[in-house]
Full PDB file with SEQRES, HELIX, SHEET, SSBOND, CRYST1, ORIGX, SCALE, CONECT and MASTER records, all heavy atoms in Angstrom:
SEQRES   1 A   37  GLU LEU SER ARG TYR ARG ASP GLN ARG PHE ARG GLY LYS          
SEQRES   2 A   37  ILE GLN GLU GLN GLU LYS LEU LEU ARG TYR SER THR THR          
SEQRES   3 A   37  LEU TYR VAL GLY ASN LEU SER PHE TYR THR THR                  
HELIX    1 AA1 ILE A   14  TYR A   23  1                                  10    
CRYST1    1.000    1.000    1.000  90.00  90.00  90.00 P 1           1          
ORIGX1      1.000000  0.000000  0.000000        0.00000                         
ORIGX2      0.000000  1.000000  0.000000        0.00000                         
ORIGX3      0.000000  0.000000  1.000000        0.00000                         
SCALE1      1.000000  0.000000  0.000000        0.00000                         
SCALE2      0.000000  1.000000  0.000000        0.00000                         
SCALE3      0.000000  0.000000  1.000000        0.00000                         
ATOM      1  N   GLU A   1      19.903 112.317 -58.250  1.00  0.00           N  
ATOM      2  CA  GLU A   1      20.271 111.852 -59.630  1.00  0.00           C  
ATOM      3  C   GLU A   1      19.195 111.899 -60.535  1.00  0.00           C  
ATOM      4  O   GLU A   1      17.980 111.915 -60.291  1.00  0.00           O  
ATOM      5  CB  GLU A   1      20.903 110.376 -59.543  1.00  0.00           C  
ATOM      6  CG  GLU A   1      22.242 110.272 -58.830  1.00  0.00           C  
ATOM      7  CD  GLU A   1      22.692 108.921 -58.854  1.00  0.00           C  
ATOM      8  OE1 GLU A   1      22.035 108.038 -59.214  1.00  0.00           O  
ATOM      9  OE2 GLU A   1      23.784 108.694 -58.218  1.00  0.00           O  
ATOM     10  N   LEU A   2      19.467 112.091 -61.852  1.00  0.00           N  
ATOM     11  CA  LEU A   2      18.411 112.218 -62.985  1.00  0.00           C  
ATOM     12  C   LEU A   2      17.883 110.602 -63.074  1.00  0.00           C  
ATOM     13  O   LEU A   2      18.541 109.688 -63.166  1.00  0.00           O  
ATOM     14  CB  LEU A   2      19.113 112.705 -64.176  1.00  0.00           C  
ATOM     15  CG  LEU A   2      19.735 114.010 -64.273  1.00  0.00           C  
ATOM     16  CD1 LEU A   2      20.183 114.355 -65.649  1.00  0.00           C  
ATOM     17  CD2 LEU A   2      18.788 115.060 -63.843  1.00  0.00           C  
ATOM     18  N   SER A   3      16.632 110.766 -63.266  1.00  0.00           N  
ATOM     19  CA  SER A   3      15.812 109.490 -63.560  1.00  0.00           C  
ATOM     20  C   SER A   3      16.016 109.208 -65.083  1.00  0.00           C  
ATOM     21  O   SER A   3      16.480 109.994 -65.792  1.00  0.00           O  
ATOM     22  CB  SER A   3      14.353 109.588 -63.137  1.00  0.00           C  
ATOM     23  OG  SER A   3      13.767 110.453 -64.093  1.00  0.00           O  
ATOM     24  N   ARG A   4      15.482 108.065 -65.492  1.00  0.00           N  
ATOM     25  CA  ARG A   4      15.546 107.649 -66.835  1.00  0.00           C  
ATOM     26  C   ARG A   4      14.441 108.357 -67.634  1.00  0.00           C  
ATOM     27  O   ARG A   4      14.513 108.508 -69.002  1.00  0.00           O  
ATOM     28  CB  ARG A   4      15.448 106.246 -67.066  1.00  0.00           C  
ATOM     29  CG  ARG A   4      16.538 105.448 -66.497  1.00  0.00           C  
ATOM     30  CD  ARG A   4      16.353 104.017 -66.663  1.00  0.00           C  
ATOM     31  NE  ARG A   4      17.328 103.214 -65.986  1.00  0.00           N  
ATOM     32  CZ  ARG A   4      18.091 102.315 -66.669  1.00  0.00           C  
ATOM     33  NH1 ARG A   4      17.770 102.023 -67.904  1.00  0.00           N  
ATOM     34  NH2 ARG A   4      19.074 101.786 -66.165  1.00  0.00           N  
ATOM     35  N   TYR A   5      13.391 108.950 -67.046  1.00  0.00           N  
ATOM     36  CA  TYR A   5      12.290 109.664 -67.740  1.00  0.00           C  
ATOM     37  C   TYR A   5      12.836 110.980 -68.398  1.00  0.00           C  
ATOM     38  O   TYR A   5      13.638 111.702 -67.859  1.00  0.00           O  
ATOM     39  CB  TYR A   5      11.195 110.034 -66.799  1.00  0.00           C  
ATOM     40  CG  TYR A   5      10.149 110.741 -67.515  1.00  0.00           C  
ATOM     41  CD1 TYR A   5       9.241 110.113 -68.296  1.00  0.00           C  
ATOM     42  CD2 TYR A   5      10.171 112.188 -67.275  1.00  0.00           C  
ATOM     43  CE1 TYR A   5       8.375 110.889 -68.999  1.00  0.00           C  
ATOM     44  CE2 TYR A   5       9.078 112.896 -67.955  1.00  0.00           C  
ATOM     45  CZ  TYR A   5       8.191 112.217 -68.954  1.00  0.00           C  
ATOM     46  OH  TYR A   5       7.190 113.028 -69.580  1.00  0.00           O  
ATOM     47  N   ARG A   6      12.330 111.114 -69.566  1.00  0.00           N  
ATOM     48  CA  ARG A   6      12.730 112.262 -70.505  1.00  0.00           C  
ATOM     49  C   ARG A   6      11.361 112.739 -71.102  1.00  0.00           C  
ATOM     50  O   ARG A   6      10.620 111.851 -71.557  1.00  0.00           O  
ATOM     51  CB  ARG A   6      13.731 112.066 -71.557  1.00  0.00           C  
ATOM     52  CG  ARG A   6      15.030 111.711 -70.946  1.00  0.00           C  
ATOM     53  CD  ARG A   6      15.637 112.806 -70.199  1.00  0.00           C  
ATOM     54  NE  ARG A   6      16.920 112.476 -69.554  1.00  0.00           N  
ATOM     55  CZ  ARG A   6      17.127 111.938 -68.381  1.00  0.00           C  
ATOM     56  NH1 ARG A   6      16.075 111.649 -67.577  1.00  0.00           N  
ATOM     57  NH2 ARG A   6      18.307 111.720 -67.876  1.00  0.00           N  
ATOM     58  N   ASP A   7      11.014 113.989 -70.995  1.00  0.00           N  
ATOM     59  CA  ASP A   7       9.853 114.582 -71.669  1.00  0.00           C  
ATOM     60  C   ASP A   7       9.945 114.285 -73.260  1.00  0.00           C  
ATOM     61  O   ASP A   7      10.873 114.915 -73.811  1.00  0.00           O  
ATOM     62  CB  ASP A   7       9.713 115.965 -71.404  1.00  0.00           C  
ATOM     63  CG  ASP A   7       8.460 116.568 -71.957  1.00  0.00           C  
ATOM     64  OD1 ASP A   7       7.702 115.917 -72.701  1.00  0.00           O  
ATOM     65  OD2 ASP A   7       8.262 117.874 -71.749  1.00  0.00           O  
ATOM     66  N   GLN A   8       9.168 113.434 -73.779  1.00  0.00           N  
ATOM     67  CA  GLN A   8       9.111 113.146 -75.158  1.00  0.00           C  
ATOM     68  C   GLN A   8       8.658 114.337 -76.069  1.00  0.00           C  
ATOM     69  O   GLN A   8       8.999 114.318 -77.358  1.00  0.00           O  
ATOM     70  CB  GLN A   8       8.214 111.957 -75.501  1.00  0.00           C  
ATOM     71  CG  GLN A   8       8.570 110.591 -74.758  1.00  0.00           C  
ATOM     72  CD  GLN A   8      10.019 110.265 -75.064  1.00  0.00           C  
ATOM     73  OE1 GLN A   8      10.473 110.102 -76.232  1.00  0.00           O  
ATOM     74  NE2 GLN A   8      10.793 110.010 -74.002  1.00  0.00           N  
ATOM     75  N   ARG A   9       8.214 115.383 -75.464  1.00  0.00           N  
ATOM     76  CA  ARG A   9       7.797 116.448 -76.212  1.00  0.00           C  
ATOM     77  C   ARG A   9       8.773 117.669 -76.196  1.00  0.00           C  
ATOM     78  O   ARG A   9       8.596 118.848 -76.660  1.00  0.00           O  
ATOM     79  CB  ARG A   9       6.421 116.913 -75.851  1.00  0.00           C  
ATOM     80  CG  ARG A   9       5.314 116.015 -76.265  1.00  0.00           C  
ATOM     81  CD  ARG A   9       3.974 116.501 -76.148  1.00  0.00           C  
ATOM     82  NE  ARG A   9       2.942 115.721 -76.417  1.00  0.00           N  
ATOM     83  CZ  ARG A   9       1.633 115.747 -76.209  1.00  0.00           C  
ATOM     84  NH1 ARG A   9       1.203 117.013 -75.805  1.00  0.00           N  
ATOM     85  NH2 ARG A   9       0.768 114.905 -76.462  1.00  0.00           N  
ATOM     86  N   PHE A  10       9.941 117.344 -75.565  1.00  0.00           N  
ATOM     87  CA  PHE A  10      11.001 118.374 -75.395  1.00  0.00           C  
ATOM     88  C   PHE A  10      11.533 118.766 -76.834  1.00  0.00           C  
ATOM     89  O   PHE A  10      11.701 117.880 -77.693  1.00  0.00           O  
ATOM     90  CB  PHE A  10      12.133 117.860 -74.616  1.00  0.00           C  
ATOM     91  CG  PHE A  10      13.297 118.858 -74.513  1.00  0.00           C  
ATOM     92  CD1 PHE A  10      13.218 119.830 -73.543  1.00  0.00           C  
ATOM     93  CD2 PHE A  10      14.429 118.759 -75.304  1.00  0.00           C  
ATOM     94  CE1 PHE A  10      14.229 120.689 -73.441  1.00  0.00           C  
ATOM     95  CE2 PHE A  10      15.400 119.694 -75.129  1.00  0.00           C  
ATOM     96  CZ  PHE A  10      15.361 120.680 -74.278  1.00  0.00           C  
ATOM     97  N   ARG A  11      11.517 120.132 -77.122  1.00  0.00           N  
ATOM     98  CA  ARG A  11      11.918 120.606 -78.482  1.00  0.00           C  
ATOM     99  C   ARG A  11      13.443 120.766 -78.314  1.00  0.00           C  
ATOM    100  O   ARG A  11      13.829 121.814 -77.665  1.00  0.00           O  
ATOM    101  CB  ARG A  11      11.083 121.788 -78.774  1.00  0.00           C  
ATOM    102  CG  ARG A  11       9.682 121.487 -79.132  1.00  0.00           C  
ATOM    103  CD  ARG A  11       8.909 122.637 -79.665  1.00  0.00           C  
ATOM    104  NE  ARG A  11       7.608 122.423 -79.684  1.00  0.00           N  
ATOM    105  CZ  ARG A  11       6.928 121.763 -80.546  1.00  0.00           C  
ATOM    106  NH1 ARG A  11       7.571 121.073 -81.562  1.00  0.00           N  
ATOM    107  NH2 ARG A  11       5.625 121.696 -80.401  1.00  0.00           N  
ATOM    108  N   GLY A  12      14.173 120.046 -78.841  1.00  0.00           N  
ATOM    109  CA  GLY A  12      15.598 120.151 -78.832  1.00  0.00           C  
ATOM    110  C   GLY A  12      16.393 118.862 -78.855  1.00  0.00           C  
ATOM    111  O   GLY A  12      15.622 117.766 -78.780  1.00  0.00           O  
ATOM    112  N   LYS A  13      17.716 118.948 -78.785  1.00  0.00           N  
ATOM    113  CA  LYS A  13      18.460 117.720 -78.700  1.00  0.00           C  
ATOM    114  C   LYS A  13      18.408 116.904 -77.272  1.00  0.00           C  
ATOM    115  O   LYS A  13      18.380 117.741 -76.386  1.00  0.00           O  
ATOM    116  CB  LYS A  13      19.840 117.969 -79.186  1.00  0.00           C  
ATOM    117  CG  LYS A  13      19.928 118.382 -80.635  1.00  0.00           C  
ATOM    118  CD  LYS A  13      21.266 118.543 -81.105  1.00  0.00           C  
ATOM    119  CE  LYS A  13      21.196 118.954 -82.533  1.00  0.00           C  
ATOM    120  NZ  LYS A  13      22.627 119.182 -83.079  1.00  0.00           N  
ATOM    121  N   ILE A  14      18.595 115.717 -77.168  1.00  0.00           N  
ATOM    122  CA  ILE A  14      18.706 115.055 -75.947  1.00  0.00           C  
ATOM    123  C   ILE A  14      19.788 115.691 -74.922  1.00  0.00           C  
ATOM    124  O   ILE A  14      19.565 115.918 -73.805  1.00  0.00           O  
ATOM    125  CB  ILE A  14      18.852 113.521 -76.137  1.00  0.00           C  
ATOM    126  CG1 ILE A  14      18.730 112.701 -74.749  1.00  0.00           C  
ATOM    127  CG2 ILE A  14      20.125 113.238 -76.768  1.00  0.00           C  
ATOM    128  CD1 ILE A  14      17.288 112.775 -74.270  1.00  0.00           C  
ATOM    129  N   GLN A  15      20.977 116.121 -75.658  1.00  0.00           N  
ATOM    130  CA  GLN A  15      22.024 116.671 -74.881  1.00  0.00           C  
ATOM    131  C   GLN A  15      21.632 117.935 -74.272  1.00  0.00           C  
ATOM    132  O   GLN A  15      22.076 118.288 -73.098  1.00  0.00           O  
ATOM    133  CB  GLN A  15      23.203 116.839 -75.851  1.00  0.00           C  
ATOM    134  CG  GLN A  15      23.862 115.575 -76.359  1.00  0.00           C  
ATOM    135  CD  GLN A  15      23.280 115.116 -77.654  1.00  0.00           C  
ATOM    136  OE1 GLN A  15      22.158 115.687 -78.106  1.00  0.00           O  
ATOM    137  NE2 GLN A  15      23.688 114.062 -78.279  1.00  0.00           N  
ATOM    138  N   GLU A  16      20.796 118.676 -74.951  1.00  0.00           N  
ATOM    139  CA  GLU A  16      20.301 119.941 -74.335  1.00  0.00           C  
ATOM    140  C   GLU A  16      19.382 119.793 -73.196  1.00  0.00           C  
ATOM    141  O   GLU A  16      19.577 120.473 -72.155  1.00  0.00           O  
ATOM    142  CB  GLU A  16      19.577 120.803 -75.399  1.00  0.00           C  
ATOM    143  CG  GLU A  16      20.390 121.345 -76.622  1.00  0.00           C  
ATOM    144  CD  GLU A  16      19.612 121.785 -77.758  1.00  0.00           C  
ATOM    145  OE1 GLU A  16      18.336 122.045 -77.506  1.00  0.00           O  
ATOM    146  OE2 GLU A  16      20.013 121.935 -78.820  1.00  0.00           O  
ATOM    147  N   GLN A  17      18.551 118.640 -73.391  1.00  0.00           N  
ATOM    148  CA  GLN A  17      17.584 118.348 -72.248  1.00  0.00           C  
ATOM    149  C   GLN A  17      18.411 117.994 -71.064  1.00  0.00           C  
ATOM    150  O   GLN A  17      18.110 118.303 -69.980  1.00  0.00           O  
ATOM    151  CB  GLN A  17      16.616 117.320 -72.740  1.00  0.00           C  
ATOM    152  CG  GLN A  17      15.585 116.997 -71.827  1.00  0.00           C  
ATOM    153  CD  GLN A  17      14.557 116.041 -72.329  1.00  0.00           C  
ATOM    154  OE1 GLN A  17      14.813 115.187 -73.088  1.00  0.00           O  
ATOM    155  NE2 GLN A  17      13.292 116.088 -71.580  1.00  0.00           N  
ATOM    156  N   GLU A  18      19.392 117.026 -71.263  1.00  0.00           N  
ATOM    157  CA  GLU A  18      20.219 116.533 -70.172  1.00  0.00           C  
ATOM    158  C   GLU A  18      20.892 117.706 -69.358  1.00  0.00           C  
ATOM    159  O   GLU A  18      20.889 117.725 -68.166  1.00  0.00           O  
ATOM    160  CB  GLU A  18      21.309 115.563 -70.711  1.00  0.00           C  
ATOM    161  CG  GLU A  18      20.763 114.292 -71.308  1.00  0.00           C  
ATOM    162  CD  GLU A  18      20.382 113.255 -70.303  1.00  0.00           C  
ATOM    163  OE1 GLU A  18      21.046 113.234 -69.282  1.00  0.00           O  
ATOM    164  OE2 GLU A  18      19.292 112.586 -70.561  1.00  0.00           O  
ATOM    165  N   LYS A  19      21.455 118.584 -70.172  1.00  0.00           N  
ATOM    166  CA  LYS A  19      22.151 119.742 -69.421  1.00  0.00           C  
ATOM    167  C   LYS A  19      21.060 120.620 -68.693  1.00  0.00           C  
ATOM    168  O   LYS A  19      21.356 120.910 -67.576  1.00  0.00           O  
ATOM    169  CB  LYS A  19      22.820 120.725 -70.661  1.00  0.00           C  
ATOM    170  CG  LYS A  19      23.517 121.746 -69.984  1.00  0.00           C  
ATOM    171  CD  LYS A  19      24.301 122.706 -70.997  1.00  0.00           C  
ATOM    172  CE  LYS A  19      25.193 123.661 -70.436  1.00  0.00           C  
ATOM    173  NZ  LYS A  19      25.736 124.553 -71.349  1.00  0.00           N  
ATOM    174  N   LEU A  20      19.864 120.852 -69.262  1.00  0.00           N  
ATOM    175  CA  LEU A  20      19.008 121.531 -68.559  1.00  0.00           C  
ATOM    176  C   LEU A  20      18.510 120.843 -67.285  1.00  0.00           C  
ATOM    177  O   LEU A  20      18.358 121.454 -66.196  1.00  0.00           O  
ATOM    178  CB  LEU A  20      17.696 121.831 -69.289  1.00  0.00           C  
ATOM    179  CG  LEU A  20      17.938 122.842 -70.536  1.00  0.00           C  
ATOM    180  CD1 LEU A  20      16.749 122.851 -71.446  1.00  0.00           C  
ATOM    181  CD2 LEU A  20      18.085 124.326 -70.016  1.00  0.00           C  
ATOM    182  N   LEU A  21      18.355 119.519 -67.387  1.00  0.00           N  
ATOM    183  CA  LEU A  21      18.120 118.690 -66.154  1.00  0.00           C  
ATOM    184  C   LEU A  21      19.012 118.770 -65.132  1.00  0.00           C  
ATOM    185  O   LEU A  21      18.783 118.945 -63.888  1.00  0.00           O  
ATOM    186  CB  LEU A  21      17.738 117.326 -66.598  1.00  0.00           C  
ATOM    187  CG  LEU A  21      16.460 117.002 -67.357  1.00  0.00           C  
ATOM    188  CD1 LEU A  21      16.345 115.719 -67.960  1.00  0.00           C  
ATOM    189  CD2 LEU A  21      15.175 117.357 -66.552  1.00  0.00           C  
ATOM    190  N   ARG A  22      20.289 118.725 -65.412  1.00  0.00           N  
ATOM    191  CA  ARG A  22      21.434 118.743 -64.411  1.00  0.00           C  
ATOM    192  C   ARG A  22      21.406 120.011 -63.727  1.00  0.00           C  
ATOM    193  O   ARG A  22      21.914 120.044 -62.565  1.00  0.00           O  
ATOM    194  CB  ARG A  22      22.695 118.408 -65.135  1.00  0.00           C  
ATOM    195  CG  ARG A  22      23.030 116.951 -65.396  1.00  0.00           C  
ATOM    196  CD  ARG A  22      24.487 116.767 -65.782  1.00  0.00           C  
ATOM    197  NE  ARG A  22      24.876 117.418 -66.902  1.00  0.00           N  
ATOM    198  CZ  ARG A  22      24.863 116.978 -68.136  1.00  0.00           C  
ATOM    199  NH1 ARG A  22      24.124 115.937 -68.406  1.00  0.00           N  
ATOM    200  NH2 ARG A  22      25.184 117.634 -69.160  1.00  0.00           N  
ATOM    201  N   TYR A  23      21.046 121.113 -64.210  1.00  0.00           N  
ATOM    202  CA  TYR A  23      21.090 122.487 -63.564  1.00  0.00           C  
ATOM    203  C   TYR A  23      19.769 123.010 -63.210  1.00  0.00           C  
ATOM    204  O   TYR A  23      19.613 124.142 -62.744  1.00  0.00           O  
ATOM    205  CB  TYR A  23      21.927 123.418 -64.397  1.00  0.00           C  
ATOM    206  CG  TYR A  23      23.289 123.042 -64.667  1.00  0.00           C  
ATOM    207  CD1 TYR A  23      23.587 122.415 -65.967  1.00  0.00           C  
ATOM    208  CD2 TYR A  23      24.292 123.108 -63.683  1.00  0.00           C  
ATOM    209  CE1 TYR A  23      24.987 121.928 -66.112  1.00  0.00           C  
ATOM    210  CE2 TYR A  23      25.556 122.656 -63.944  1.00  0.00           C  
ATOM    211  CZ  TYR A  23      25.933 122.099 -65.091  1.00  0.00           C  
ATOM    212  OH  TYR A  23      27.175 121.662 -65.274  1.00  0.00           O  
ATOM    213  N   SER A  24      18.732 122.300 -63.472  1.00  0.00           N  
ATOM    214  CA  SER A  24      17.388 122.747 -63.144  1.00  0.00           C  
ATOM    215  C   SER A  24      17.051 122.980 -61.660  1.00  0.00           C  
ATOM    216  O   SER A  24      17.568 122.514 -60.871  1.00  0.00           O  
ATOM    217  CB  SER A  24      16.404 121.729 -63.731  1.00  0.00           C  
ATOM    218  OG  SER A  24      15.018 122.213 -63.478  1.00  0.00           O  
ATOM    219  N   THR A  25      16.170 123.955 -61.522  1.00  0.00           N  
ATOM    220  CA  THR A  25      15.579 124.286 -60.225  1.00  0.00           C  
ATOM    221  C   THR A  25      14.089 124.057 -60.211  1.00  0.00           C  
ATOM    222  O   THR A  25      13.404 124.346 -59.331  1.00  0.00           O  
ATOM    223  CB  THR A  25      15.710 125.774 -59.934  1.00  0.00           C  
ATOM    224  OG1 THR A  25      15.161 126.641 -60.914  1.00  0.00           O  
ATOM    225  CG2 THR A  25      17.378 126.137 -59.837  1.00  0.00           C  
ATOM    226  N   THR A  26      13.614 123.387 -61.221  1.00  0.00           N  
ATOM    227  CA  THR A  26      12.232 122.990 -61.467  1.00  0.00           C  
ATOM    228  C   THR A  26      11.940 121.509 -61.249  1.00  0.00           C  
ATOM    229  O   THR A  26      12.667 120.820 -61.820  1.00  0.00           O  
ATOM    230  CB  THR A  26      11.657 123.422 -62.867  1.00  0.00           C  
ATOM    231  OG1 THR A  26      11.957 124.867 -62.968  1.00  0.00           O  
ATOM    232  CG2 THR A  26      10.257 123.162 -62.942  1.00  0.00           C  
ATOM    233  N   LEU A  27      11.053 121.143 -60.438  1.00  0.00           N  
ATOM    234  CA  LEU A  27      10.641 119.756 -60.129  1.00  0.00           C  
ATOM    235  C   LEU A  27       9.188 119.657 -60.825  1.00  0.00           C  
ATOM    236  O   LEU A  27       8.294 120.365 -60.767  1.00  0.00           O  
ATOM    237  CB  LEU A  27      10.501 119.512 -58.687  1.00  0.00           C  
ATOM    238  CG  LEU A  27      11.783 119.670 -57.988  1.00  0.00           C  
ATOM    239  CD1 LEU A  27      11.432 119.400 -56.501  1.00  0.00           C  
ATOM    240  CD2 LEU A  27      12.807 118.908 -58.423  1.00  0.00           C  
ATOM    241  N   TYR A  28       9.028 118.473 -61.402  1.00  0.00           N  
ATOM    242  CA  TYR A  28       7.664 117.938 -61.763  1.00  0.00           C  
ATOM    243  C   TYR A  28       7.114 117.148 -60.585  1.00  0.00           C  
ATOM    244  O   TYR A  28       7.944 116.331 -59.946  1.00  0.00           O  
ATOM    245  CB  TYR A  28       7.732 116.971 -62.932  1.00  0.00           C  
ATOM    246  CG  TYR A  28       6.477 116.129 -63.286  1.00  0.00           C  
ATOM    247  CD1 TYR A  28       5.455 116.682 -64.148  1.00  0.00           C  
ATOM    248  CD2 TYR A  28       6.236 114.834 -62.587  1.00  0.00           C  
ATOM    249  CE1 TYR A  28       4.400 116.005 -64.304  1.00  0.00           C  
ATOM    250  CE2 TYR A  28       5.140 114.191 -62.845  1.00  0.00           C  
ATOM    251  CZ  TYR A  28       4.085 114.819 -63.634  1.00  0.00           C  
ATOM    252  OH  TYR A  28       3.021 114.105 -63.895  1.00  0.00           O  
ATOM    253  N   VAL A  29       5.896 117.297 -60.107  1.00  0.00           N  
ATOM    254  CA  VAL A  29       5.389 116.577 -58.980  1.00  0.00           C  
ATOM    255  C   VAL A  29       4.175 115.838 -59.543  1.00  0.00           C  
ATOM    256  O   VAL A  29       3.265 116.359 -60.092  1.00  0.00           O  
ATOM    257  CB  VAL A  29       4.992 117.564 -57.870  1.00  0.00           C  
ATOM    258  CG1 VAL A  29       4.469 116.817 -56.750  1.00  0.00           C  
ATOM    259  CG2 VAL A  29       6.066 118.457 -57.421  1.00  0.00           C  
ATOM    260  N   GLY A  30       4.221 114.540 -59.345  1.00  0.00           N  
ATOM    261  CA  GLY A  30       3.035 113.707 -59.782  1.00  0.00           C  
ATOM    262  C   GLY A  30       2.293 113.031 -58.763  1.00  0.00           C  
ATOM    263  O   GLY A  30       2.778 112.947 -57.571  1.00  0.00           O  
ATOM    264  N   ASN A  31       1.396 112.446 -59.104  1.00  0.00           N  
ATOM    265  CA  ASN A  31       0.403 111.510 -58.212  1.00  0.00           C  
ATOM    266  C   ASN A  31      -0.325 112.365 -57.205  1.00  0.00           C  
ATOM    267  O   ASN A  31      -0.641 111.766 -56.066  1.00  0.00           O  
ATOM    268  CB  ASN A  31       1.255 110.293 -57.686  1.00  0.00           C  
ATOM    269  CG  ASN A  31       0.254 109.220 -57.158  1.00  0.00           C  
ATOM    270  OD1 ASN A  31      -0.714 108.971 -57.910  1.00  0.00           O  
ATOM    271  ND2 ASN A  31       0.508 108.712 -56.036  1.00  0.00           N  
ATOM    272  N   LEU A  32      -0.661 113.654 -57.577  1.00  0.00           N  
ATOM    273  CA  LEU A  32      -1.325 114.504 -56.588  1.00  0.00           C  
ATOM    274  C   LEU A  32      -2.796 114.124 -56.779  1.00  0.00           C  
ATOM    275  O   LEU A  32      -3.338 113.634 -57.772  1.00  0.00           O  
ATOM    276  CB  LEU A  32      -1.207 116.026 -57.100  1.00  0.00           C  
ATOM    277  CG  LEU A  32       0.213 116.572 -56.910  1.00  0.00           C  
ATOM    278  CD1 LEU A  32       0.214 117.880 -57.433  1.00  0.00           C  
ATOM    279  CD2 LEU A  32       0.606 116.566 -55.419  1.00  0.00           C  
ATOM    280  N   SER A  33      -3.599 114.381 -55.702  1.00  0.00           N  
ATOM    281  CA  SER A  33      -4.946 114.256 -55.755  1.00  0.00           C  
ATOM    282  C   SER A  33      -5.502 115.420 -56.589  1.00  0.00           C  
ATOM    283  O   SER A  33      -4.840 116.597 -56.538  1.00  0.00           O  
ATOM    284  CB  SER A  33      -5.474 114.421 -54.312  1.00  0.00           C  
ATOM    285  OG  SER A  33      -6.886 114.652 -54.353  1.00  0.00           O  
ATOM    286  N   PHE A  34      -6.562 115.192 -57.138  1.00  0.00           N  
ATOM    287  CA  PHE A  34      -7.238 116.245 -58.035  1.00  0.00           C  
ATOM    288  C   PHE A  34      -7.686 117.406 -57.005  1.00  0.00           C  
ATOM    289  O   PHE A  34      -7.971 118.572 -57.503  1.00  0.00           O  
ATOM    290  CB  PHE A  34      -8.427 115.641 -58.813  1.00  0.00           C  
ATOM    291  CG  PHE A  34      -8.063 114.889 -59.931  1.00  0.00           C  
ATOM    292  CD1 PHE A  34      -6.832 114.459 -60.101  1.00  0.00           C  
ATOM    293  CD2 PHE A  34      -9.014 114.257 -60.728  1.00  0.00           C  
ATOM    294  CE1 PHE A  34      -6.563 113.668 -61.317  1.00  0.00           C  
ATOM    295  CE2 PHE A  34      -8.798 113.616 -61.787  1.00  0.00           C  
ATOM    296  CZ  PHE A  34      -7.505 113.150 -62.023  1.00  0.00           C  
ATOM    297  N   TYR A  35      -7.783 117.152 -55.723  1.00  0.00           N  
ATOM    298  CA  TYR A  35      -8.277 118.066 -54.816  1.00  0.00           C  
ATOM    299  C   TYR A  35      -7.196 118.790 -54.021  1.00  0.00           C  
ATOM    300  O   TYR A  35      -7.484 119.685 -53.216  1.00  0.00           O  
ATOM    301  CB  TYR A  35      -9.284 117.366 -53.869  1.00  0.00           C  
ATOM    302  CG  TYR A  35     -10.299 116.539 -54.566  1.00  0.00           C  
ATOM    303  CD1 TYR A  35     -10.227 115.223 -54.675  1.00  0.00           C  
ATOM    304  CD2 TYR A  35     -11.279 117.317 -55.179  1.00  0.00           C  
ATOM    305  CE1 TYR A  35     -11.144 114.449 -55.416  1.00  0.00           C  
ATOM    306  CE2 TYR A  35     -12.290 116.615 -56.027  1.00  0.00           C  
ATOM    307  CZ  TYR A  35     -12.112 115.187 -56.083  1.00  0.00           C  
ATOM    308  OH  TYR A  35     -13.025 114.465 -56.745  1.00  0.00           O  
ATOM    309  N   THR A  36      -5.919 118.535 -54.168  1.00  0.00           N  
ATOM    310  CA  THR A  36      -4.819 119.126 -53.663  1.00  0.00           C  
ATOM    311  C   THR A  36      -4.752 120.546 -54.049  1.00  0.00           C  
ATOM    312  O   THR A  36      -4.793 120.870 -55.356  1.00  0.00           O  
ATOM    313  CB  THR A  36      -3.423 118.387 -53.937  1.00  0.00           C  
ATOM    314  OG1 THR A  36      -3.604 117.212 -53.398  1.00  0.00           O  
ATOM    315  CG2 THR A  36      -2.257 119.063 -53.200  1.00  0.00           C  
ATOM    316  N   THR A  37      -4.507 121.498 -53.289  1.00  0.00           N  
ATOM    317  CA  THR A  37      -4.640 122.904 -53.651  1.00  0.00           C  
ATOM    318  C   THR A  37      -3.005 123.436 -53.716  1.00  0.00           C  
ATOM    319  O   THR A  37      -2.144 122.809 -53.100  1.00  0.00           O  
ATOM    320  CB  THR A  37      -5.207 123.905 -52.560  1.00  0.00           C  
ATOM    321  OG1 THR A  37      -4.377 123.691 -51.257  1.00  0.00           O  
ATOM    322  CG2 THR A  37      -6.642 123.371 -52.291  1.00  0.00           C  
TER     323      THR A  37                                                      
MASTER        0    0    0    1    0    0    0    6  322    1    0    3          
END                                                                             
């Protein structure tokens, strides 16, 4: 399911962002070590 987080710098309407997120094949991965390759 979609989280509540939304990229505040997204250029476009929130509805466009929601649609892109529902069909996206891209993940944001966070909390990585600075040394992870």
